[in-house]
Amino acid sequence: MPPLPPQLADPVDPTRVRTLPRHFAWIDHRLRDRLRDLSLEAIALLVFLHLAADKTGCSFWADATIAKKLGLREGDVVHARARLVAQGLVAYRYPLYQLLPVEGPPA
């Protein structure tokens, strides 16, 4: 990807440039091409899991707690998890979630 022209690379609000906090989470850019295959609930769960994961991609949160934090029903979380597992994005063994590496060429 070519670099942005200088006027587009500068922040819109230079007084509010974000910095990386000590507890920084990241999401692989290759997920952009996978989002269209997911429901909004599955996308919300995936983002939540990225924010909750440790350095190995693991986290353990109860479905009811995740549902409450996302404003979903617990059944929606269970269904979204099943979709993420089927898509190969998440592994799950109660009560542990594991984010899996995104398949495909580097972004």
Protein backbone atom coordinates (compact mmCIF):
# COMPACT_ATOMS: atom_id res chain seq x y z
CA MET A 1 0.00 0.00 0.00
CA PRO A 2 1.50 3.38 -0.98
CA PRO A 3 1.99 5.99 1.76
CA LEU A 4 -0.76 8.54 2.27
CA PRO A 5 -0.23 12.09 1.03
CA PRO A 6 1.01 14.26 3.93
CA GLN A 7 -2.30 16.12 4.33
CA LEU A 8 -4.13 12.78 4.79
CA ALA A 9 -1.52 11.24 7.08
CA ASP A 10 -1.79 14.03 9.64
CA PRO A 11 -4.35 13.49 12.42
CA VAL A 12 -7.66 15.28 12.09
CA ASP A 13 -7.30 16.45 15.71
CA PRO A 14 -3.58 16.60 16.57
CA THR A 15 -4.39 17.54 20.18
CA ARG A 16 -6.04 14.15 20.72
CA VAL A 17 -3.61 11.62 19.21
CA ARG A 18 -3.96 8.25 20.92
CA THR A 19 -1.04 6.51 22.54
CA LEU A 20 -0.64 2.80 23.15
CA PRO A 21 -1.65 2.02 26.73
CA ARG A 22 0.24 -0.57 28.77
CA HIS A 23 -2.64 -3.00 28.30
CA PHE A 24 -2.96 -2.84 24.52
CA ALA A 25 -5.07 -5.28 22.47
CA TRP A 26 -4.70 -5.86 18.75
CA ILE A 27 -6.84 -7.32 16.00
CA ASP A 28 -5.33 -8.85 12.86
CA HIS A 29 -6.14 -6.73 9.79
CA ARG A 30 -6.98 -9.86 7.82
CA LEU A 31 -10.23 -10.08 9.79
CA ARG A 32 -11.58 -7.21 7.67
CA ASP A 33 -12.13 -9.67 4.84
CA ARG A 34 -13.90 -12.15 7.14
CA LEU A 35 -16.41 -9.78 8.76
CA ARG A 36 -19.02 -10.06 6.01
CA ASP A 37 -19.41 -13.76 6.89
CA LEU A 38 -20.32 -12.96 10.50
CA SER A 39 -23.39 -11.63 12.27
CA LEU A 40 -23.16 -8.40 14.23
CA GLU A 41 -23.37 -10.49 17.43
CA ALA A 42 -20.41 -12.62 16.30
CA ILE A 43 -18.40 -9.51 15.41
CA ALA A 44 -19.19 -7.99 18.82
CA LEU A 45 -18.11 -11.19 20.57
CA LEU A 46 -14.93 -11.40 18.48
CA VAL A 47 -13.94 -7.83 19.34
CA PHE A 48 -14.75 -8.44 23.02
CA LEU A 49 -12.58 -11.57 23.03
CA HIS A 50 -9.70 -9.63 21.45
CA LEU A 51 -9.97 -7.02 24.18
CA ALA A 52 -10.18 -9.66 26.92
CA ALA A 53 -7.45 -12.02 25.66
CA ASP A 54 -4.05 -12.53 27.20
CA LYS A 55 -0.90 -12.71 25.05
CA THR A 56 -1.75 -16.29 24.00
CA GLY A 57 -5.24 -15.27 22.86
CA CYS A 58 -6.96 -16.93 25.82
CA SER A 59 -9.64 -15.59 28.13
CA PHE A 60 -12.35 -17.00 30.31
CA TRP A 61 -15.55 -15.06 30.75
CA ALA A 62 -18.97 -16.48 31.52
CA ASP A 63 -21.50 -16.26 28.70
CA ALA A 64 -23.89 -14.36 30.97
CA THR A 65 -21.23 -11.78 31.80
CA ILE A 66 -20.25 -11.33 28.15
CA ALA A 67 -23.92 -10.97 27.20
CA LYS A 68 -24.43 -8.30 29.84
CA LYS A 69 -21.33 -6.35 28.75
CA LEU A 70 -22.38 -6.50 25.06
CA GLY A 71 -26.10 -5.86 25.63
CA LEU A 72 -27.00 -9.26 24.16
CA ARG A 73 -28.98 -12.27 25.33
CA GLU A 74 -26.93 -15.20 26.59
CA GLY A 75 -28.30 -17.34 23.75
CA ASP A 76 -26.97 -14.79 21.26
CA VAL A 77 -23.49 -15.20 22.75
CA VAL A 78 -23.73 -19.00 22.52
CA HIS A 79 -24.87 -18.80 18.89
CA ALA A 80 -22.16 -16.22 18.01
CA ARG A 81 -19.52 -18.43 19.64
CA ALA A 82 -20.66 -21.42 17.58
CA ARG A 83 -20.31 -19.31 14.41
CA LEU A 84 -16.81 -18.14 15.38
CA VAL A 85 -15.77 -21.73 16.11
CA ALA A 86 -17.23 -22.90 12.77
CA GLN A 87 -15.32 -20.12 10.96
CA GLY A 88 -12.05 -21.22 12.61
CA LEU A 89 -11.58 -17.90 14.40
CA VAL A 90 -12.06 -19.16 17.97
CA ALA A 91 -11.55 -22.40 19.88
CA TYR A 92 -13.68 -23.03 22.94
CA ARG A 93 -13.52 -25.46 25.81
CA TYR A 94 -15.65 -24.44 28.77
CA PRO A 95 -14.84 -21.97 30.24
CA LEU A 96 -11.85 -21.07 28.06
CA TYR A 97 -11.95 -19.09 24.82
CA GLN A 98 -8.89 -19.04 22.54
CA LEU A 99 -8.47 -16.68 19.61
CA LEU A 100 -6.95 -18.58 16.70
CA PRO A 101 -4.49 -17.22 14.14
CA VAL A 102 -6.17 -15.77 11.06
CA GLU A 103 -5.48 -17.90 7.99
CA GLY A 104 -4.31 -16.28 4.79
CA PRO A 105 -1.55 -14.07 3.46
CA PRO A 106 -0.30 -11.21 5.67
CA ALA A 107 -2.28 -7.98 5.39
